[in-house]
C-alpha cells in the first residue's frame, strides 16, 4: 500500500489517470442521482451533489493514505478516520438536506 501510494504520488501519468477516474466516477454518480430523482441527465443538482460527494470521498481517502504513508497502521488510523468521515459526511448531509433520499 505504501509503495503504491508513493508511486502514484510521484508519477505524473498515474496522477493524471487518477484525476480521470475521479471525473468518470463523478459523472457516473451524477447520472445515477439524476435517474433516482427523475431529473435530466445533465441536472445541475445531480452534478453538484455528485461533485460534493466525490470531493469528500477524495479528501478522506487522501488523508487516510497520508496517515498510512507516514507510518500509522490501519488500526491506529481508524479512530480518527472514522471520526473525520462522520464529521465530513455529516456536514455534507446537512448541506444537501433531503436531496436524493
N, C-alpha and C. Protein backbone atom coordinates (compact mmCIF):
# COMPACT_ATOMS: atom_id res chain seq x y z
N UNK A 1 0.83 -1.19 0.00
CA UNK A 1 0.00 0.00 0.00
C UNK A 1 0.87 1.25 0.00
N UNK A 2 1.86 1.28 0.85
CA UNK A 2 2.71 2.46 0.95
C UNK A 2 3.47 2.69 -0.35
N UNK A 3 4.03 1.61 -0.90
CA UNK A 3 4.78 1.74 -2.15
C UNK A 3 3.88 2.20 -3.29
N UNK A 4 2.67 1.70 -3.33
CA UNK A 4 1.73 2.09 -4.38
C UNK A 4 1.36 3.57 -4.23
N UNK A 5 1.11 4.01 -3.02
CA UNK A 5 0.78 5.42 -2.79
C UNK A 5 1.93 6.33 -3.23
N UNK A 6 3.13 5.95 -2.88
CA UNK A 6 4.29 6.76 -3.26
C UNK A 6 4.45 6.77 -4.78
N UNK A 7 4.27 5.62 -5.41
CA UNK A 7 4.39 5.54 -6.86
C UNK A 7 3.38 6.45 -7.54
N UNK A 8 2.14 6.41 -7.10
CA UNK A 8 1.10 7.26 -7.68
C UNK A 8 1.45 8.73 -7.50
N UNK A 9 1.85 9.09 -6.30
CA UNK A 9 2.16 10.49 -5.99
C UNK A 9 3.36 11.02 -6.76
N UNK A 10 4.26 10.15 -7.15
CA UNK A 10 5.50 10.57 -7.81
C UNK A 10 5.48 10.38 -9.33
N UNK A 11 4.36 9.90 -9.86
CA UNK A 11 4.28 9.61 -11.29
C UNK A 11 3.18 10.46 -11.92
N UNK A 12 3.56 11.48 -12.69
CA UNK A 12 2.55 12.37 -13.29
C UNK A 12 1.48 11.64 -14.10
N UNK A 13 1.87 10.63 -14.85
CA UNK A 13 0.90 9.90 -15.66
C UNK A 13 -0.13 9.19 -14.78
N UNK A 14 0.30 8.66 -13.66
CA UNK A 14 -0.64 7.99 -12.75
C UNK A 14 -1.55 9.00 -12.07
N UNK A 15 -1.01 10.16 -11.72
CA UNK A 15 -1.85 11.22 -11.14
C UNK A 15 -2.91 11.66 -12.14
N UNK A 16 -2.52 11.74 -13.40
CA UNK A 16 -3.48 12.13 -14.44
C UNK A 16 -4.57 11.07 -14.60
N UNK A 17 -4.19 9.81 -14.56
CA UNK A 17 -5.17 8.73 -14.65
C UNK A 17 -6.12 8.76 -13.45
N UNK A 18 -5.58 9.05 -12.28
CA UNK A 18 -6.40 9.14 -11.08
C UNK A 18 -7.42 10.27 -11.21
N UNK A 19 -7.00 11.41 -11.76
CA UNK A 19 -7.92 12.53 -11.99
C UNK A 19 -9.01 12.14 -12.98
N UNK A 20 -8.65 11.40 -14.01
CA UNK A 20 -9.64 10.94 -14.99
C UNK A 20 -10.63 9.98 -14.37
N UNK A 21 -10.14 9.08 -13.53
CA UNK A 21 -11.01 8.15 -12.83
C UNK A 21 -11.99 8.92 -11.96
N UNK A 22 -11.50 9.91 -11.26
CA UNK A 22 -12.35 10.71 -10.39
C UNK A 22 -13.44 11.42 -11.18
N UNK A 23 -13.08 11.97 -12.32
CA UNK A 23 -14.07 12.67 -13.16
C UNK A 23 -15.12 11.68 -13.67
N UNK A 24 -14.71 10.50 -14.09
CA UNK A 24 -15.67 9.49 -14.57
C UNK A 24 -16.58 9.05 -13.42
N UNK A 25 -16.00 8.89 -12.23
CA UNK A 25 -16.78 8.50 -11.07
C UNK A 25 -17.85 9.55 -10.74
N UNK A 26 -17.45 10.81 -10.79
CA UNK A 26 -18.39 11.90 -10.53
C UNK A 26 -19.50 11.90 -11.57
N UNK A 27 -19.15 11.72 -12.83
CA UNK A 27 -20.15 11.68 -13.89
C UNK A 27 -21.13 10.53 -13.73
N UNK A 28 -20.62 9.35 -13.40
CA UNK A 28 -21.49 8.19 -13.21
C UNK A 28 -22.42 8.39 -12.02
N UNK A 29 -21.89 8.95 -10.95
CA UNK A 29 -22.73 9.22 -9.77
C UNK A 29 -23.79 10.26 -10.10
N UNK A 30 -23.43 11.28 -10.86
CA UNK A 30 -24.40 12.31 -11.25
C UNK A 30 -25.53 11.69 -12.07
N UNK A 31 -25.18 10.81 -12.99
CA UNK A 31 -26.21 10.13 -13.80
C UNK A 31 -27.13 9.30 -12.93
N UNK A 32 -26.56 8.57 -11.98
CA UNK A 32 -27.37 7.75 -11.08
C UNK A 32 -28.28 8.60 -10.21
N UNK A 33 -27.76 9.72 -9.72
CA UNK A 33 -28.59 10.62 -8.91
C UNK A 33 -29.70 11.24 -9.74
N UNK A 34 -29.39 11.62 -10.95
CA UNK A 34 -30.42 12.19 -11.84
C UNK A 34 -31.52 11.16 -12.10
N UNK A 35 -31.11 9.94 -12.37
CA UNK A 35 -32.10 8.88 -12.62
C UNK A 35 -32.94 8.62 -11.37
N UNK A 36 -32.30 8.59 -10.20
CA UNK A 36 -33.01 8.30 -8.95
C UNK A 36 -34.01 9.40 -8.60
N UNK A 37 -33.74 10.61 -9.04
CA UNK A 37 -34.63 11.73 -8.71
C UNK A 37 -35.55 12.12 -9.87
N UNK A 38 -35.43 11.42 -11.00
CA UNK A 38 -36.26 11.74 -12.16
C UNK A 38 -35.84 13.00 -12.88
N UNK A 39 -34.62 13.43 -12.67
CA UNK A 39 -34.11 14.66 -13.29
C UNK A 39 -33.46 14.34 -14.63
N UNK A 40 -33.21 15.38 -15.38
CA UNK A 40 -32.50 15.24 -16.65
C UNK A 40 -31.06 14.78 -16.37
N UNK A 41 -30.45 14.07 -17.33
CA UNK A 41 -29.08 13.57 -17.11
C UNK A 41 -28.06 14.65 -16.79
N UNK A 42 -28.28 15.86 -17.26
CA UNK A 42 -27.33 16.95 -17.00
C UNK A 42 -27.81 17.91 -15.91
N UNK A 43 -28.70 17.44 -15.06
CA UNK A 43 -29.27 18.26 -13.99
C UNK A 43 -28.19 18.84 -13.10
N UNK A 44 -28.26 20.13 -12.85
CA UNK A 44 -27.23 20.80 -12.06
C UNK A 44 -27.19 20.30 -10.61
N UNK A 45 -28.34 19.96 -10.05
CA UNK A 45 -28.34 19.48 -8.66
C UNK A 45 -27.69 18.10 -8.57
N UNK A 46 -27.97 17.24 -9.53
CA UNK A 46 -27.35 15.91 -9.53
C UNK A 46 -25.84 16.03 -9.69
N UNK A 47 -25.41 16.89 -10.60
CA UNK A 47 -23.97 17.07 -10.84
C UNK A 47 -23.28 17.71 -9.63
N UNK A 48 -23.95 18.66 -8.99
CA UNK A 48 -23.38 19.31 -7.82
C UNK A 48 -23.28 18.34 -6.64
N UNK A 49 -24.33 17.57 -6.42
CA UNK A 49 -24.30 16.59 -5.33
C UNK A 49 -23.21 15.55 -5.57
N UNK A 50 -23.11 15.08 -6.80
CA UNK A 50 -22.08 14.09 -7.13
C UNK A 50 -20.68 14.66 -6.91
N UNK A 51 -20.47 15.89 -7.32
CA UNK A 51 -19.16 16.52 -7.14
C UNK A 51 -18.82 16.67 -5.66
N UNK A 52 -19.82 17.03 -4.86
CA UNK A 52 -19.57 17.19 -3.42
C UNK A 52 -19.27 15.85 -2.76
N UNK A 53 -20.05 14.83 -3.10
CA UNK A 53 -19.81 13.50 -2.53
C UNK A 53 -18.44 12.98 -2.93
N UNK A 54 -18.08 13.16 -4.20
CA UNK A 54 -16.78 12.70 -4.65
C UNK A 54 -15.65 13.49 -3.99
N UNK A 55 -15.84 14.77 -3.79
CA UNK A 55 -14.80 15.59 -3.14
C UNK A 55 -14.57 15.13 -1.70
N UNK A 56 -15.63 14.82 -0.98
CA UNK A 56 -15.48 14.34 0.39
C UNK A 56 -14.76 12.99 0.40
N UNK A 57 -15.16 12.09 -0.48
CA UNK A 57 -14.50 10.79 -0.54
C UNK A 57 -13.02 10.93 -0.88
N UNK A 58 -12.72 11.82 -1.82
CA UNK A 58 -11.32 12.04 -2.21
C UNK A 58 -10.51 12.59 -1.04
N UNK A 59 -11.05 13.56 -0.35
CA UNK A 59 -10.33 14.16 0.79
C UNK A 59 -10.09 13.14 1.89
N UNK A 60 -11.10 12.35 2.20
CA UNK A 60 -10.94 11.34 3.25
C UNK A 60 -9.94 10.26 2.84
N UNK A 61 -9.99 9.85 1.58
CA UNK A 61 -9.05 8.86 1.08
C UNK A 61 -7.62 9.38 1.13
N UNK A 62 -7.45 10.64 0.73
CA UNK A 62 -6.12 11.25 0.76
C UNK A 62 -5.58 11.33 2.18
N UNK A 63 -6.42 11.75 3.10
CA UNK A 63 -5.99 11.88 4.50
C UNK A 63 -5.61 10.51 5.07
N UNK A 64 -6.38 9.48 4.75
CA UNK A 64 -6.07 8.15 5.24
C UNK A 64 -4.78 7.61 4.63
N UNK A 65 -4.60 7.84 3.34
CA UNK A 65 -3.37 7.41 2.68
C UNK A 65 -2.16 8.12 3.28
N UNK A 66 -2.31 9.41 3.57
CA UNK A 66 -1.22 10.16 4.19
C UNK A 66 -0.83 9.56 5.53
N UNK A 67 -1.81 9.14 6.30
CA UNK A 67 -1.52 8.53 7.61
C UNK A 67 -0.73 7.24 7.44
N UNK A 68 -1.16 6.42 6.50
CA UNK A 68 -0.50 5.14 6.27
C UNK A 68 0.92 5.35 5.76
N UNK A 69 1.09 6.26 4.81
CA UNK A 69 2.41 6.56 4.27
C UNK A 69 3.32 7.10 5.37
N UNK A 70 2.76 7.85 6.31
CA UNK A 70 3.54 8.41 7.41
C UNK A 70 3.91 7.36 8.46
N UNK A 71 3.39 6.15 8.32
CA UNK A 71 3.79 5.08 9.22
C UNK A 71 2.73 4.58 10.19
N UNK A 72 1.54 5.17 10.18
CA UNK A 72 0.49 4.67 11.07
C UNK A 72 -0.05 3.36 10.52
N UNK A 73 -0.41 2.48 11.41
CA UNK A 73 -1.09 1.26 10.99
C UNK A 73 -2.56 1.60 10.75
N UNK A 74 -3.24 0.72 10.06
CA UNK A 74 -4.67 0.92 9.82
C UNK A 74 -5.43 0.98 11.15
N UNK A 75 -5.04 0.13 12.09
CA UNK A 75 -5.70 0.13 13.40
C UNK A 75 -5.49 1.45 14.14
N UNK A 76 -4.29 2.01 14.01
CA UNK A 76 -4.01 3.30 14.65
C UNK A 76 -4.77 4.43 13.97
N UNK A 77 -4.90 4.37 12.67
CA UNK A 77 -5.55 5.43 11.90
C UNK A 77 -7.08 5.38 12.00
N UNK A 78 -7.60 4.22 12.28
CA UNK A 78 -9.04 4.01 12.23
C UNK A 78 -9.88 4.99 13.05
N UNK A 79 -9.60 5.19 14.34
CA UNK A 79 -10.49 6.07 15.13
C UNK A 79 -10.61 7.49 14.55
N UNK A 80 -9.50 8.08 14.17
CA UNK A 80 -9.55 9.43 13.60
C UNK A 80 -10.20 9.40 12.22
N UNK A 81 -9.90 8.38 11.43
CA UNK A 81 -10.51 8.27 10.10
C UNK A 81 -12.03 8.16 10.21
N UNK A 82 -12.50 7.39 11.15
CA UNK A 82 -13.94 7.24 11.35
C UNK A 82 -14.57 8.55 11.81
N UNK A 83 -13.93 9.22 12.75
CA UNK A 83 -14.45 10.50 13.23
C UNK A 83 -14.49 11.53 12.12
N UNK A 84 -13.44 11.57 11.31
CA UNK A 84 -13.43 12.53 10.20
C UNK A 84 -14.49 12.20 9.16
N UNK A 85 -14.67 10.92 8.87
CA UNK A 85 -15.71 10.53 7.90
C UNK A 85 -17.10 10.91 8.41
N UNK A 86 -17.35 10.64 9.67
CA UNK A 86 -18.65 11.01 10.24
C UNK A 86 -18.85 12.52 10.19
N UNK A 87 -17.82 13.28 10.52
CA UNK A 87 -17.93 14.74 10.50
C UNK A 87 -18.12 15.27 9.08
N UNK A 88 -17.32 14.78 8.15
CA UNK A 88 -17.39 15.29 6.78
C UNK A 88 -18.72 14.94 6.11
N UNK A 89 -19.14 13.68 6.24
CA UNK A 89 -20.42 13.30 5.63
C UNK A 89 -21.59 13.92 6.39
N UNK A 90 -21.42 14.13 7.69
CA UNK A 90 -22.47 14.82 8.45
C UNK A 90 -22.64 16.26 7.96
N UNK A 91 -21.53 16.93 7.72
CA UNK A 91 -21.60 18.29 7.20
C UNK A 91 -22.24 18.30 5.81
N UNK A 92 -21.84 17.35 4.99
CA UNK A 92 -22.40 17.27 3.64
C UNK A 92 -23.90 16.96 3.70
N UNK A 93 -24.28 16.05 4.58
CA UNK A 93 -25.69 15.69 4.72
C UNK A 93 -26.52 16.91 5.10
N UNK A 94 -26.01 17.71 6.01
CA UNK A 94 -26.72 18.92 6.42
C UNK A 94 -26.83 19.90 5.26
N UNK A 95 -25.81 19.95 4.45
CA UNK A 95 -25.82 20.86 3.31
C UNK A 95 -26.71 20.39 2.18
N UNK A 96 -26.81 19.09 1.98
CA UNK A 96 -27.65 18.56 0.91
C UNK A 96 -29.09 18.35 1.35
N UNK A 97 -29.32 18.35 2.64
CA UNK A 97 -30.69 18.20 3.12
C UNK A 97 -31.29 16.87 2.68
N UNK A 98 -32.49 16.91 2.13
CA UNK A 98 -33.19 15.69 1.73
C UNK A 98 -33.00 15.35 0.25
N UNK A 99 -32.08 16.02 -0.43
CA UNK A 99 -31.88 15.76 -1.84
C UNK A 99 -31.52 14.29 -2.07
N UNK A 100 -32.21 13.63 -2.98
CA UNK A 100 -31.99 12.26 -3.43
C UNK A 100 -32.17 11.22 -2.33
N UNK A 101 -32.98 11.51 -1.35
CA UNK A 101 -33.27 10.48 -0.32
C UNK A 101 -34.50 9.71 -0.67
